[in-house]
């Protein structure tokens, strides 16, 4: 069911109004869900709720939407909720922007969902790690990665399922990503 890629994602271009509508929905969701989960001490580096919307935006709508949502979500979130903290904001912006871009570009190149998901998660975290090591922003750059195993497991378990379900509602039968 999730193993084979049949068609490319629905690629939106910047001249389409749908891009702005969907990117707004994904960005608002990427701001609201982490805020909501923080109310119950469930969010942040443990469950990575913002990452879901960025990766899914890239998967479903291509690199433009992934890049847009990945860059704007942490900025808007910080301005509204002051999360993520300002000290880690640049690295979160970089990580999420890489997630959205890589997920979108690999799906546009028709890579399998699992290869795309693993590559996206690896390259996003690698970009963040290199950024942290280059600028010496944390005393222990691996602390973030050690805390986020549950979020990584949730991404691997839920993102393919969410994409499968969302495409049923968003696309016509001949536009589906996973069949």
N, C-alpha and C. Protein backbone atom coordinates (compact mmCIF):
# COMPACT_ATOMS: atom_id res chain seq x y z
N UNK A 1 0.81 -1.19 0.00
CA UNK A 1 0.00 0.00 0.00
C UNK A 1 0.86 1.26 0.00
N UNK A 2 1.88 1.35 0.86
CA UNK A 2 2.71 2.54 0.95
C UNK A 2 4.03 2.40 0.21
N UNK A 3 4.30 1.26 -0.36
CA UNK A 3 5.64 1.00 -0.87
C UNK A 3 5.92 1.61 -2.24
N UNK A 4 4.94 1.73 -3.08
CA UNK A 4 5.22 2.13 -4.46
C UNK A 4 4.70 3.53 -4.76
N UNK A 5 5.50 4.28 -5.46
CA UNK A 5 5.10 5.61 -5.89
C UNK A 5 4.52 5.49 -7.29
N UNK A 6 3.32 6.05 -7.49
CA UNK A 6 2.68 5.96 -8.79
C UNK A 6 2.82 7.26 -9.59
N UNK A 7 2.50 8.39 -8.98
CA UNK A 7 2.53 9.65 -9.70
C UNK A 7 3.21 10.71 -8.85
N UNK A 8 3.49 11.83 -9.48
CA UNK A 8 4.14 12.94 -8.79
C UNK A 8 3.17 13.65 -7.86
N UNK A 9 3.69 14.42 -6.89
CA UNK A 9 2.79 15.20 -6.04
C UNK A 9 2.15 16.32 -6.86
N UNK A 10 1.09 16.85 -6.32
CA UNK A 10 0.42 17.99 -6.95
C UNK A 10 1.32 19.20 -6.73
N UNK A 11 1.95 19.67 -7.79
CA UNK A 11 2.90 20.76 -7.68
C UNK A 11 2.16 22.07 -7.90
N UNK A 12 2.24 22.92 -6.91
CA UNK A 12 1.60 24.22 -7.01
C UNK A 12 2.64 25.27 -7.37
N UNK A 13 2.25 26.18 -8.18
CA UNK A 13 3.14 27.28 -8.55
C UNK A 13 2.68 28.54 -7.84
N UNK A 14 3.61 29.50 -7.70
CA UNK A 14 3.32 30.69 -6.93
C UNK A 14 2.21 31.55 -7.50
N UNK A 15 1.83 31.36 -8.75
CA UNK A 15 0.75 32.15 -9.34
C UNK A 15 -0.62 31.57 -9.00
N UNK A 16 -0.67 30.39 -8.40
CA UNK A 16 -1.94 29.76 -8.05
C UNK A 16 -2.38 30.19 -6.65
N UNK A 17 -3.61 30.62 -6.52
CA UNK A 17 -4.15 31.04 -5.24
C UNK A 17 -4.20 29.87 -4.25
N UNK A 18 -4.36 28.65 -4.80
CA UNK A 18 -4.40 27.47 -3.93
C UNK A 18 -3.13 27.33 -3.11
N UNK A 19 -1.99 27.73 -3.67
CA UNK A 19 -0.74 27.65 -2.93
C UNK A 19 -0.83 28.45 -1.64
N UNK A 20 -1.38 29.61 -1.72
CA UNK A 20 -1.47 30.47 -0.55
C UNK A 20 -2.48 29.96 0.46
N UNK A 21 -3.55 29.39 -0.02
CA UNK A 21 -4.56 28.83 0.88
C UNK A 21 -3.98 27.62 1.62
N UNK A 22 -3.44 26.66 0.87
CA UNK A 22 -2.89 25.46 1.51
C UNK A 22 -1.68 25.79 2.38
N UNK A 23 -0.81 26.68 1.93
CA UNK A 23 0.35 27.01 2.75
C UNK A 23 -0.08 27.71 4.03
N UNK A 24 -1.14 28.50 3.96
CA UNK A 24 -1.67 29.13 5.17
C UNK A 24 -2.22 28.09 6.14
N UNK A 25 -2.97 27.14 5.62
CA UNK A 25 -3.53 26.09 6.47
C UNK A 25 -2.42 25.27 7.11
N UNK A 26 -1.42 24.86 6.33
CA UNK A 26 -0.32 24.08 6.89
C UNK A 26 0.50 24.89 7.89
N UNK A 27 0.74 26.15 7.59
CA UNK A 27 1.52 27.00 8.49
C UNK A 27 0.76 27.25 9.79
N UNK A 28 -0.52 27.57 9.70
CA UNK A 28 -1.32 27.77 10.90
C UNK A 28 -1.35 26.50 11.74
N UNK A 29 -1.50 25.36 11.10
CA UNK A 29 -1.49 24.08 11.81
C UNK A 29 -0.14 23.83 12.48
N UNK A 30 0.94 24.18 11.78
CA UNK A 30 2.29 23.98 12.33
C UNK A 30 2.57 24.92 13.49
N UNK A 31 1.81 25.99 13.62
CA UNK A 31 1.94 26.90 14.76
C UNK A 31 1.00 26.47 15.88
N UNK A 32 -0.24 26.12 15.54
CA UNK A 32 -1.25 25.83 16.55
C UNK A 32 -1.01 24.51 17.28
N UNK A 33 -0.72 23.42 16.56
CA UNK A 33 -0.57 22.12 17.22
C UNK A 33 0.57 22.12 18.24
N UNK A 34 1.76 22.64 17.92
CA UNK A 34 2.80 22.68 18.95
C UNK A 34 2.37 23.51 20.17
N UNK A 35 1.71 24.64 19.92
CA UNK A 35 1.24 25.45 21.04
C UNK A 35 0.27 24.65 21.91
N UNK A 36 -0.68 23.96 21.26
CA UNK A 36 -1.65 23.16 21.99
C UNK A 36 -0.97 22.05 22.79
N UNK A 37 -0.04 21.35 22.16
CA UNK A 37 0.65 20.26 22.85
C UNK A 37 1.52 20.78 24.00
N UNK A 38 2.08 21.97 23.84
CA UNK A 38 2.87 22.56 24.93
C UNK A 38 2.02 22.81 26.17
N UNK A 39 0.73 23.01 25.98
CA UNK A 39 -0.16 23.21 27.12
C UNK A 39 -0.23 21.96 27.99
N UNK A 40 0.09 20.81 27.40
CA UNK A 40 0.06 19.53 28.12
C UNK A 40 1.46 18.95 28.28
N UNK A 41 2.49 19.78 28.07
CA UNK A 41 3.90 19.36 28.17
C UNK A 41 4.24 18.18 27.26
N UNK A 42 3.69 18.19 26.06
CA UNK A 42 3.92 17.08 25.12
C UNK A 42 4.71 17.47 23.87
N UNK A 43 4.97 18.73 23.67
CA UNK A 43 5.55 19.15 22.39
C UNK A 43 7.05 19.38 22.50
N UNK A 44 7.54 20.19 21.55
CA UNK A 44 8.96 20.53 21.53
C UNK A 44 9.80 19.44 20.94
N UNK A 45 11.04 19.33 21.40
CA UNK A 45 11.96 18.36 20.80
C UNK A 45 11.57 16.91 21.05
N UNK A 46 10.62 16.69 21.93
CA UNK A 46 10.22 15.31 22.21
C UNK A 46 9.33 14.73 21.11
N UNK A 47 8.31 15.48 20.66
CA UNK A 47 7.37 14.95 19.67
C UNK A 47 7.42 15.64 18.32
N UNK A 48 8.10 16.76 18.20
CA UNK A 48 8.34 17.45 16.93
C UNK A 48 7.06 17.71 16.12
N UNK A 49 6.04 18.30 16.72
CA UNK A 49 4.77 18.45 16.00
C UNK A 49 4.84 19.38 14.80
N UNK A 50 5.69 20.38 14.81
CA UNK A 50 5.78 21.31 13.69
C UNK A 50 6.33 20.60 12.44
N UNK A 51 7.19 19.63 12.65
CA UNK A 51 7.84 18.93 11.54
C UNK A 51 6.83 18.20 10.65
N UNK A 52 5.78 17.67 11.26
CA UNK A 52 4.78 16.91 10.50
C UNK A 52 4.20 17.74 9.36
N UNK A 53 3.78 18.95 9.68
CA UNK A 53 3.10 19.78 8.68
C UNK A 53 4.05 20.21 7.56
N UNK A 54 5.29 20.46 7.92
CA UNK A 54 6.28 20.87 6.92
C UNK A 54 6.57 19.72 5.97
N UNK A 55 6.83 18.55 6.51
CA UNK A 55 7.14 17.39 5.67
C UNK A 55 5.94 17.02 4.80
N UNK A 56 4.75 17.03 5.37
CA UNK A 56 3.55 16.68 4.61
C UNK A 56 3.29 17.71 3.51
N UNK A 57 3.52 18.98 3.80
CA UNK A 57 3.35 20.02 2.77
C UNK A 57 4.28 19.76 1.59
N UNK A 58 5.54 19.41 1.87
CA UNK A 58 6.48 19.09 0.80
C UNK A 58 6.06 17.85 0.02
N UNK A 59 5.63 16.82 0.75
CA UNK A 59 5.19 15.58 0.10
C UNK A 59 4.00 15.82 -0.83
N UNK A 60 3.00 16.51 -0.33
CA UNK A 60 1.76 16.64 -1.08
C UNK A 60 1.80 17.70 -2.18
N UNK A 61 2.58 18.77 -1.97
CA UNK A 61 2.49 19.90 -2.88
C UNK A 61 3.83 20.35 -3.47
N UNK A 62 4.90 19.61 -3.21
CA UNK A 62 6.17 19.93 -3.83
C UNK A 62 7.06 20.85 -3.02
N UNK A 63 8.23 21.12 -3.58
CA UNK A 63 9.27 21.82 -2.83
C UNK A 63 8.91 23.27 -2.54
N UNK A 64 8.14 23.91 -3.39
CA UNK A 64 7.79 25.32 -3.16
C UNK A 64 6.97 25.46 -1.88
N UNK A 65 5.96 24.62 -1.76
CA UNK A 65 5.11 24.65 -0.56
C UNK A 65 5.90 24.21 0.66
N UNK A 66 6.71 23.15 0.52
CA UNK A 66 7.52 22.69 1.65
C UNK A 66 8.47 23.76 2.15
N UNK A 67 9.13 24.42 1.22
CA UNK A 67 10.07 25.49 1.56
C UNK A 67 9.34 26.64 2.24
N UNK A 68 8.24 27.04 1.68
CA UNK A 68 7.44 28.14 2.20
C UNK A 68 6.96 27.85 3.63
N UNK A 69 6.35 26.70 3.84
CA UNK A 69 5.83 26.32 5.16
C UNK A 69 6.97 26.10 6.14
N UNK A 70 8.05 25.47 5.69
CA UNK A 70 9.20 25.22 6.56
C UNK A 70 9.87 26.48 7.05
N UNK A 71 9.93 27.49 6.21
CA UNK A 71 10.57 28.75 6.59
C UNK A 71 9.65 29.61 7.46
N UNK A 72 8.38 29.70 7.07
CA UNK A 72 7.47 30.61 7.77
C UNK A 72 6.94 30.08 9.10
N UNK A 73 6.75 28.77 9.22
CA UNK A 73 6.14 28.23 10.44
C UNK A 73 6.89 28.60 11.71
N UNK A 74 8.20 28.37 11.80
CA UNK A 74 8.88 28.74 13.05
C UNK A 74 8.91 30.25 13.28
N UNK A 75 9.00 31.03 12.21
CA UNK A 75 9.00 32.49 12.36
C UNK A 75 7.67 32.99 12.92
N UNK A 76 6.59 32.53 12.35
CA UNK A 76 5.27 32.94 12.81
C UNK A 76 5.03 32.41 14.22
N UNK A 77 5.40 31.16 14.45
CA UNK A 77 5.23 30.58 15.78
C UNK A 77 5.97 31.39 16.83
N UNK A 78 7.20 31.75 16.54
CA UNK A 78 7.96 32.54 17.51
C UNK A 78 7.28 33.89 17.77
N UNK A 79 6.82 34.54 16.73
CA UNK A 79 6.19 35.85 16.89
C UNK A 79 4.87 35.79 17.66
N UNK A 80 4.17 34.68 17.58
CA UNK A 80 2.89 34.55 18.27
C UNK A 80 3.05 33.91 19.65
N UNK A 81 3.81 32.83 19.72
CA UNK A 81 3.88 32.03 20.96
C UNK A 81 5.23 32.08 21.67
N UNK A 82 6.22 32.67 21.04
CA UNK A 82 7.60 32.69 21.53
C UNK A 82 8.20 31.28 21.60
N UNK A 83 7.71 30.40 20.74
CA UNK A 83 8.28 29.06 20.58
C UNK A 83 8.57 28.87 19.10
N UNK A 84 9.66 28.30 18.73
CA UNK A 84 10.76 27.86 19.58
C UNK A 84 11.50 29.06 20.19
N UNK A 85 12.27 28.76 21.20
CA UNK A 85 13.02 29.81 21.88
C UNK A 85 13.94 30.51 20.89
N UNK A 86 14.17 31.79 21.13
CA UNK A 86 14.96 32.60 20.20
C UNK A 86 16.37 32.04 20.00
N UNK A 87 16.93 31.40 21.02
CA UNK A 87 18.30 30.88 20.92
C UNK A 87 18.41 29.74 19.90
N UNK A 88 17.31 29.00 19.72
CA UNK A 88 17.35 27.89 18.75
C UNK A 88 16.55 28.20 17.49
N UNK A 89 15.95 29.36 17.40
CA UNK A 89 15.12 29.71 16.25
C UNK A 89 15.85 29.57 14.91
N UNK A 90 17.07 30.08 14.76
CA UNK A 90 17.75 29.94 13.45
C UNK A 90 17.97 28.49 13.03
N UNK A 91 18.31 27.63 13.98
CA UNK A 91 18.55 26.23 13.62
C UNK A 91 17.25 25.51 13.30
N UNK A 92 16.17 25.87 13.98
CA UNK A 92 14.86 25.28 13.67
C UNK A 92 14.40 25.73 12.29
N UNK A 93 14.57 27.01 11.99
CA UNK A 93 14.20 27.51 10.66
C UNK A 93 14.97 26.75 9.58
N UNK A 94 16.26 26.59 9.77
CA UNK A 94 17.07 25.86 8.79
C UNK A 94 16.60 24.42 8.65
N UNK A 95 16.42 23.74 9.76
CA UNK A 95 16.02 22.34 9.73
C UNK A 95 14.67 22.17 9.01
N UNK A 96 13.70 22.97 9.37
CA UNK A 96 12.37 22.83 8.77
C UNK A 96 12.35 23.24 7.30
N UNK A 97 13.14 24.24 6.96
CA UNK A 97 13.22 24.64 5.55
C UNK A 97 13.84 23.52 4.72
N UNK A 98 14.87 22.89 5.24
CA UNK A 98 15.48 21.75 4.54
C UNK A 98 14.47 20.61 4.44
N UNK A 99 13.73 20.33 5.51
CA UNK A 99 12.70 19.28 5.46
C UNK A 99 11.72 19.52 4.31
N UNK A 100 11.15 20.71 4.29
CA UNK A 100 10.16 21.01 3.27
C UNK A 100 10.71 20.93 1.87
N UNK A 101 11.91 21.48 1.68
CA UNK A 101 12.53 21.47 0.36
C UNK A 101 12.86 20.05 -0.09
N UNK A 102 13.53 19.29 0.77
CA UNK A 102 13.96 17.93 0.39
C UNK A 102 12.75 17.02 0.15
N UNK A 103 11.75 17.08 1.04
CA UNK A 103 10.56 16.25 0.84
C UNK A 103 9.91 16.57 -0.50
N UNK A 104 9.80 17.84 -0.80
CA UNK A 104 9.17 18.24 -2.05
C UNK A 104 9.97 17.89 -3.28
N UNK A 105 11.25 18.16 -3.25
CA UNK A 105 12.08 17.93 -4.44
C UNK A 105 12.21 16.43 -4.73
N UNK A 106 12.35 15.61 -3.69
CA UNK A 106 12.46 14.17 -3.92
C UNK A 106 11.15 13.57 -4.41
N UNK A 107 10.03 14.07 -3.90
CA UNK A 107 8.75 13.58 -4.38
C UNK A 107 8.50 14.02 -5.83
N UNK A 108 8.94 15.25 -6.16
CA UNK A 108 8.80 15.70 -7.55
C UNK A 108 9.68 14.87 -8.49
N UNK A 109 10.76 14.32 -7.96
CA UNK A 109 11.62 13.44 -8.75
C UNK A 109 11.10 12.00 -8.71
N UNK A 110 9.94 11.81 -8.09
CA UNK A 110 9.24 10.53 -8.04
C UNK A 110 9.96 9.45 -7.22
N UNK A 111 10.64 9.85 -6.16
CA UNK A 111 11.25 8.89 -5.26
C UNK A 111 10.16 8.22 -4.42
N UNK A 112 10.43 7.01 -4.00
CA UNK A 112 9.57 6.25 -3.12
C UNK A 112 9.34 7.03 -1.82
N UNK A 113 8.17 6.88 -1.21
CA UNK A 113 7.85 7.62 0.01
C UNK A 113 8.83 7.34 1.14
N UNK A 114 9.27 6.10 1.27
CA UNK A 114 10.17 5.76 2.38
C UNK A 114 11.55 6.35 2.17
N UNK A 115 12.06 6.28 0.96
CA UNK A 115 13.37 6.90 0.66
C UNK A 115 13.28 8.40 0.89
N UNK A 116 12.20 8.99 0.42
CA UNK A 116 12.01 10.43 0.60
C UNK A 116 11.92 10.80 2.07
N UNK A 117 11.16 10.05 2.83
CA UNK A 117 10.99 10.35 4.25
C UNK A 117 12.31 10.21 5.01
N UNK A 118 13.04 9.12 4.79
CA UNK A 118 14.33 8.94 5.48
C UNK A 118 15.34 10.01 5.05
N UNK A 119 15.41 10.29 3.76
CA UNK A 119 16.35 11.31 3.28
C UNK A 119 15.99 12.68 3.84
N UNK A 120 14.72 13.00 3.86
CA UNK A 120 14.26 14.28 4.41
C UNK A 120 14.66 14.42 5.87
N UNK A 121 14.36 13.40 6.65
CA UNK A 121 14.66 13.46 8.09
C UNK A 121 16.16 13.51 8.33
N UNK A 122 16.92 12.75 7.57
CA UNK A 122 18.37 12.73 7.74
C UNK A 122 18.98 14.07 7.35
N UNK A 123 18.62 14.59 6.18
CA UNK A 123 19.24 15.83 5.70
C UNK A 123 18.83 17.04 6.53
N UNK A 124 17.60 17.07 6.99
CA UNK A 124 17.17 18.17 7.86
C UNK A 124 17.93 18.19 9.17
N UNK A 125 18.08 17.02 9.77
CA UNK A 125 18.82 16.93 11.03
C UNK A 125 20.31 17.18 10.82
N UNK A 126 20.84 16.71 9.69
CA UNK A 126 22.24 16.97 9.38
C UNK A 126 22.49 18.46 9.20
N UNK A 127 21.61 19.14 8.50
CA UNK A 127 21.76 20.59 8.32
C UNK A 127 21.75 21.30 9.67
N UNK A 128 20.85 20.89 10.53
CA UNK A 128 20.78 21.50 11.87
C UNK A 128 22.05 21.21 12.66
N UNK A 129 22.50 19.98 12.63
CA UNK A 129 23.71 19.62 13.36
C UNK A 129 24.92 20.41 12.85
N UNK A 130 25.08 20.50 11.55
CA UNK A 130 26.19 21.25 10.98
C UNK A 130 26.11 22.73 11.35
N UNK A 131 24.92 23.28 11.35
CA UNK A 131 24.71 24.68 11.73
C UNK A 131 25.12 24.89 13.19
N UNK A 132 24.67 23.99 14.05
CA UNK A 132 24.99 24.10 15.48
C UNK A 132 26.49 23.95 15.71
N UNK A 133 27.11 22.99 15.05
CA UNK A 133 28.55 22.78 15.22
C UNK A 133 29.36 23.94 14.64
N UNK A 134 28.92 24.48 13.53
CA UNK A 134 29.62 25.59 12.88
C UNK A 134 29.60 26.84 13.74
N UNK A 135 28.44 27.13 14.31
CA UNK A 135 28.30 28.37 15.06
C UNK A 135 28.39 28.18 16.56
N UNK A 136 28.59 26.94 17.02
CA UNK A 136 28.77 26.67 18.44
C UNK A 136 27.61 27.15 19.29
N UNK A 137 26.39 26.87 18.85
CA UNK A 137 25.23 27.42 19.53
C UNK A 137 24.80 26.63 20.76
N UNK A 138 25.18 25.38 20.87
CA UNK A 138 24.81 24.57 22.04
C UNK A 138 26.07 23.90 22.58
N UNK A 139 26.06 23.65 23.86
CA UNK A 139 27.20 22.93 24.44
C UNK A 139 27.17 21.46 24.05
N UNK A 140 25.98 20.89 23.93
CA UNK A 140 25.85 19.49 23.53
C UNK A 140 24.90 19.39 22.34
N UNK A 141 25.42 19.46 21.11
CA UNK A 141 24.55 19.47 19.94
C UNK A 141 23.78 18.17 19.74
N UNK A 142 24.21 17.09 20.36
CA UNK A 142 23.50 15.82 20.20
C UNK A 142 22.32 15.68 21.16
N UNK A 143 22.19 16.60 22.12
CA UNK A 143 21.10 16.52 23.09
C UNK A 143 19.74 16.56 22.39
N UNK A 144 19.62 17.42 21.40
CA UNK A 144 18.37 17.54 20.65
C UNK A 144 18.02 16.21 19.99
N UNK A 145 19.01 15.56 19.39
CA UNK A 145 18.76 14.31 18.67
C UNK A 145 18.40 13.18 19.62
N UNK A 146 18.98 13.20 20.80
CA UNK A 146 18.66 12.17 21.79
C UNK A 146 17.25 12.32 22.33
N UNK A 147 16.79 13.57 22.45
CA UNK A 147 15.44 13.82 22.97
C UNK A 147 14.35 13.49 21.96
N UNK A 148 14.67 13.53 20.70
CA UNK A 148 13.62 13.50 19.67
C UNK A 148 13.32 12.11 19.10
N UNK A 149 13.79 11.05 19.72
CA UNK A 149 13.53 9.71 19.17
C UNK A 149 12.05 9.39 19.08
N UNK A 150 11.27 9.82 20.07
CA UNK A 150 9.83 9.54 20.01
C UNK A 150 9.18 10.29 18.85
N UNK A 151 9.61 11.52 18.59
CA UNK A 151 9.10 12.29 17.45
C UNK A 151 9.48 11.66 16.14
N UNK A 152 10.69 11.15 16.05
CA UNK A 152 11.15 10.48 14.83
C UNK A 152 10.30 9.23 14.58
N UNK A 153 10.06 8.45 15.63
CA UNK A 153 9.24 7.25 15.50
C UNK A 153 7.82 7.61 15.06
N UNK A 154 7.27 8.66 15.64
CA UNK A 154 5.93 9.10 15.24
C UNK A 154 5.89 9.55 13.79
N UNK A 155 6.92 10.25 13.35
CA UNK A 155 6.98 10.68 11.95
C UNK A 155 6.99 9.48 11.02
N UNK A 156 7.82 8.52 11.34
CA UNK A 156 7.92 7.33 10.48
C UNK A 156 6.61 6.54 10.46
N UNK A 157 5.92 6.50 11.59
CA UNK A 157 4.68 5.74 11.66
C UNK A 157 3.49 6.49 11.06
N UNK A 158 3.43 7.80 11.29
CA UNK A 158 2.21 8.53 10.94
C UNK A 158 2.24 9.27 9.61
N UNK A 159 3.38 9.78 9.19
CA UNK A 159 3.41 10.58 7.97
C UNK A 159 2.92 9.81 6.74
N UNK A 160 3.38 8.58 6.50
CA UNK A 160 2.84 7.86 5.33
C UNK A 160 1.32 7.64 5.44
N UNK A 161 0.83 7.35 6.64
CA UNK A 161 -0.60 7.16 6.83
C UNK A 161 -1.37 8.47 6.60
N UNK A 162 -0.87 9.57 7.14
CA UNK A 162 -1.52 10.87 6.97
C UNK A 162 -1.55 11.26 5.49
N UNK A 163 -0.45 11.05 4.80
CA UNK A 163 -0.41 11.38 3.37
C UNK A 163 -1.41 10.52 2.60
N UNK A 164 -1.47 9.26 2.91
CA UNK A 164 -2.41 8.36 2.26
C UNK A 164 -3.85 8.84 2.46
N UNK A 165 -4.18 9.23 3.68
CA UNK A 165 -5.54 9.69 3.98
C UNK A 165 -5.83 11.06 3.37
N UNK A 166 -4.89 11.99 3.46
CA UNK A 166 -5.11 13.33 2.91
C UNK A 166 -5.28 13.32 1.39
N UNK A 167 -4.52 12.49 0.72
CA UNK A 167 -4.63 12.50 -0.74
C UNK A 167 -5.99 11.99 -1.19
N UNK A 168 -6.65 11.18 -0.37
CA UNK A 168 -7.99 10.73 -0.72
C UNK A 168 -8.97 11.90 -0.79
N UNK A 169 -8.72 12.90 0.04
CA UNK A 169 -9.63 14.04 0.10
C UNK A 169 -9.18 15.20 -0.77
N UNK A 170 -7.89 15.31 -1.07
CA UNK A 170 -7.36 16.47 -1.78
C UNK A 170 -7.20 16.29 -3.28
N UNK A 171 -7.01 15.05 -3.73
CA UNK A 171 -6.68 14.84 -5.13
C UNK A 171 -7.68 13.91 -5.81
N UNK A 172 -7.75 14.05 -7.11
CA UNK A 172 -8.52 13.12 -7.92
C UNK A 172 -7.76 11.80 -7.97
N UNK A 173 -8.43 10.77 -8.40
CA UNK A 173 -7.83 9.43 -8.42
C UNK A 173 -6.53 9.39 -9.22
N UNK A 174 -6.44 10.10 -10.34
CA UNK A 174 -5.23 10.04 -11.19
C UNK A 174 -4.10 10.93 -10.67
N UNK A 175 -4.31 11.68 -9.61
CA UNK A 175 -3.26 12.53 -9.06
C UNK A 175 -2.66 11.99 -7.78
N UNK A 176 -3.10 10.84 -7.32
CA UNK A 176 -2.67 10.33 -6.01
C UNK A 176 -1.19 10.00 -6.00
N UNK A 177 -0.59 10.24 -4.84
CA UNK A 177 0.83 9.99 -4.65
C UNK A 177 1.07 8.52 -4.27
N UNK A 178 0.28 8.01 -3.37
CA UNK A 178 0.44 6.64 -2.91
C UNK A 178 -0.79 5.84 -3.29
N UNK A 179 -0.57 4.70 -3.90
CA UNK A 179 -1.70 3.84 -4.25
C UNK A 179 -1.40 2.42 -3.89
